[in-house]
């Protein structure tokens, strides 16, 4: 199971590995096709059967649905309310000295994905 925090610049990813939710390196988007290809590789490598995607509003839902159409993934796709997940992730890294770098390289996006996955699994 992989969770996706979908963004226009970065795709945050998290993985449920035997009941432990781990952030994965974010995908930095250059374009839709490149991002979809990289996500397909992650889904295949991790043998994901479920893709959990955080969605905050209707506009983003439409963008996500278009993006999903680019994937080769044939497993189950589940949408989860991601409202405030980025804010929660930001609070987790606030105390770190390099929080600006963590935002830019996608760490915060992948932490958001862990929150989305925890919500889906009912952990929070």
Protein backbone atom coordinates (compact mmCIF):
# COMPACT_ATOMS: atom_id res chain seq x y z
CA UNK A 1 0.00 0.00 0.00
CA UNK A 2 1.36 3.39 -1.07
CA UNK A 3 0.01 6.81 -0.09
CA UNK A 4 0.35 9.85 -2.30
CA UNK A 5 0.34 13.50 -1.29
CA UNK A 6 -0.30 14.96 -4.74
CA UNK A 7 1.20 18.34 -5.53
CA UNK A 8 1.98 20.38 -8.60
CA UNK A 9 5.70 20.51 -7.76
CA UNK A 10 6.25 17.36 -5.67
CA UNK A 11 4.55 14.04 -5.01
CA UNK A 12 4.98 12.94 -1.41
CA UNK A 13 5.00 9.17 -0.91
CA UNK A 14 4.59 6.82 2.04
CA UNK A 15 4.60 3.03 2.22
CA UNK A 16 2.90 0.62 4.58
CA UNK A 17 5.60 -1.98 5.16
CA UNK A 18 4.26 -4.79 7.35
CA UNK A 19 2.21 -2.38 9.44
CA UNK A 20 4.94 0.27 9.70
CA UNK A 21 4.30 3.47 7.76
CA UNK A 22 7.48 4.82 6.21
CA UNK A 23 8.00 7.99 4.17
CA UNK A 24 9.60 7.40 0.78
CA UNK A 25 11.63 9.90 -1.25
CA UNK A 26 9.32 12.40 -2.91
CA UNK A 27 9.03 12.63 -6.66
CA UNK A 28 10.04 16.06 -7.90
CA UNK A 29 7.74 16.88 -10.82
CA UNK A 30 9.29 18.05 -14.04
CA UNK A 31 6.14 17.20 -15.97
CA UNK A 32 3.09 14.94 -15.60
CA UNK A 33 4.42 12.07 -17.68
CA UNK A 34 7.76 11.93 -15.89
CA UNK A 35 6.01 12.02 -12.50
CA UNK A 36 3.54 9.29 -13.56
CA UNK A 37 6.37 7.08 -14.83
CA UNK A 38 8.32 7.47 -11.60
CA UNK A 39 5.24 6.73 -9.50
CA UNK A 40 4.53 3.63 -11.62
CA UNK A 41 8.06 2.41 -10.88
CA UNK A 42 7.55 2.89 -7.13
CA UNK A 43 4.18 1.12 -7.21
CA UNK A 44 5.71 -1.78 -9.12
CA UNK A 45 8.83 -2.01 -6.95
CA UNK A 46 6.81 -2.01 -3.72
CA UNK A 47 4.24 -4.40 -5.23
CA UNK A 48 1.45 -2.03 -4.18
CA UNK A 49 -2.11 -3.23 -4.56
CA UNK A 50 -3.68 -0.06 -3.16
CA UNK A 51 -2.85 3.59 -3.88
CA UNK A 52 -4.23 5.97 -1.24
CA UNK A 53 -4.42 9.55 -2.51
CA UNK A 54 -5.02 12.61 -0.39
CA UNK A 55 -7.42 15.14 -1.89
CA UNK A 56 -8.39 18.47 -0.36
CA UNK A 57 -10.87 19.99 -2.83
CA UNK A 58 -12.75 19.48 -6.11
CA UNK A 59 -10.18 21.28 -8.25
CA UNK A 60 -7.36 19.08 -6.96
CA UNK A 61 -9.58 16.00 -7.36
CA UNK A 62 -9.88 16.75 -11.09
CA UNK A 63 -6.11 17.17 -11.43
CA UNK A 64 -5.52 13.93 -9.54
CA UNK A 65 -8.02 12.03 -11.69
CA UNK A 66 -6.27 13.24 -14.85
CA UNK A 67 -2.90 12.24 -13.39
CA UNK A 68 -4.22 8.78 -12.43
CA UNK A 69 -5.19 8.30 -16.07
CA UNK A 70 -1.48 8.50 -16.94
CA UNK A 71 -0.57 5.62 -14.62
CA UNK A 72 -0.22 1.99 -15.64
CA UNK A 73 -1.27 0.97 -12.11
CA UNK A 74 -4.19 -1.47 -12.12
CA UNK A 75 -4.73 -1.79 -8.38
CA UNK A 76 -7.33 -0.17 -6.16
CA UNK A 77 -7.32 3.62 -5.82
CA UNK A 78 -8.73 5.18 -2.66
CA UNK A 79 -9.24 8.88 -1.99
CA UNK A 80 -8.79 10.28 1.52
CA UNK A 81 -9.44 13.78 2.85
CA UNK A 82 -6.03 15.38 3.21
CA UNK A 83 -7.14 18.66 4.77
CA UNK A 84 -4.46 19.98 7.10
CA UNK A 85 -2.07 17.07 6.48
CA UNK A 86 0.58 19.46 5.14
CA UNK A 87 0.09 21.70 8.16
CA UNK A 88 0.50 18.69 10.46
CA UNK A 89 3.64 17.64 8.61
CA UNK A 90 4.97 21.18 8.84
CA UNK A 91 4.49 21.09 12.62
CA UNK A 92 6.50 17.85 12.78
CA UNK A 93 9.52 19.45 11.16
CA UNK A 94 9.18 22.97 12.57
CA UNK A 95 11.83 22.42 15.19
CA UNK A 96 14.40 21.17 12.70
CA UNK A 97 17.05 23.65 11.60
CA UNK A 98 16.72 22.79 7.92
CA UNK A 99 12.94 23.00 7.59
CA UNK A 100 13.26 25.15 4.44
CA UNK A 101 15.38 22.45 2.77
CA UNK A 102 12.94 19.75 3.88
CA UNK A 103 10.12 21.60 2.16
CA UNK A 104 12.08 22.06 -1.06
CA UNK A 105 13.31 18.47 -1.40
CA UNK A 106 9.90 16.95 -0.71
CA UNK A 107 10.44 15.54 2.79
CA UNK A 108 7.45 17.45 4.12
CA UNK A 109 5.34 16.09 1.25
CA UNK A 110 6.27 12.53 2.13
CA UNK A 111 5.54 13.18 5.81
CA UNK A 112 2.11 14.43 4.66
CA UNK A 113 1.70 11.15 2.77
CA UNK A 114 2.39 9.22 6.00
CA UNK A 115 -0.38 11.22 7.68
CA UNK A 116 -2.75 10.47 4.79
CA UNK A 117 -1.95 6.75 5.07
CA UNK A 118 -2.45 6.80 8.84
CA UNK A 119 -5.85 8.44 8.34
CA UNK A 120 -6.81 5.76 5.84
CA UNK A 121 -5.76 2.99 8.18
CA UNK A 122 -7.56 4.65 11.08
CA UNK A 123 -4.41 5.28 13.10
CA UNK A 124 -5.24 8.95 13.74
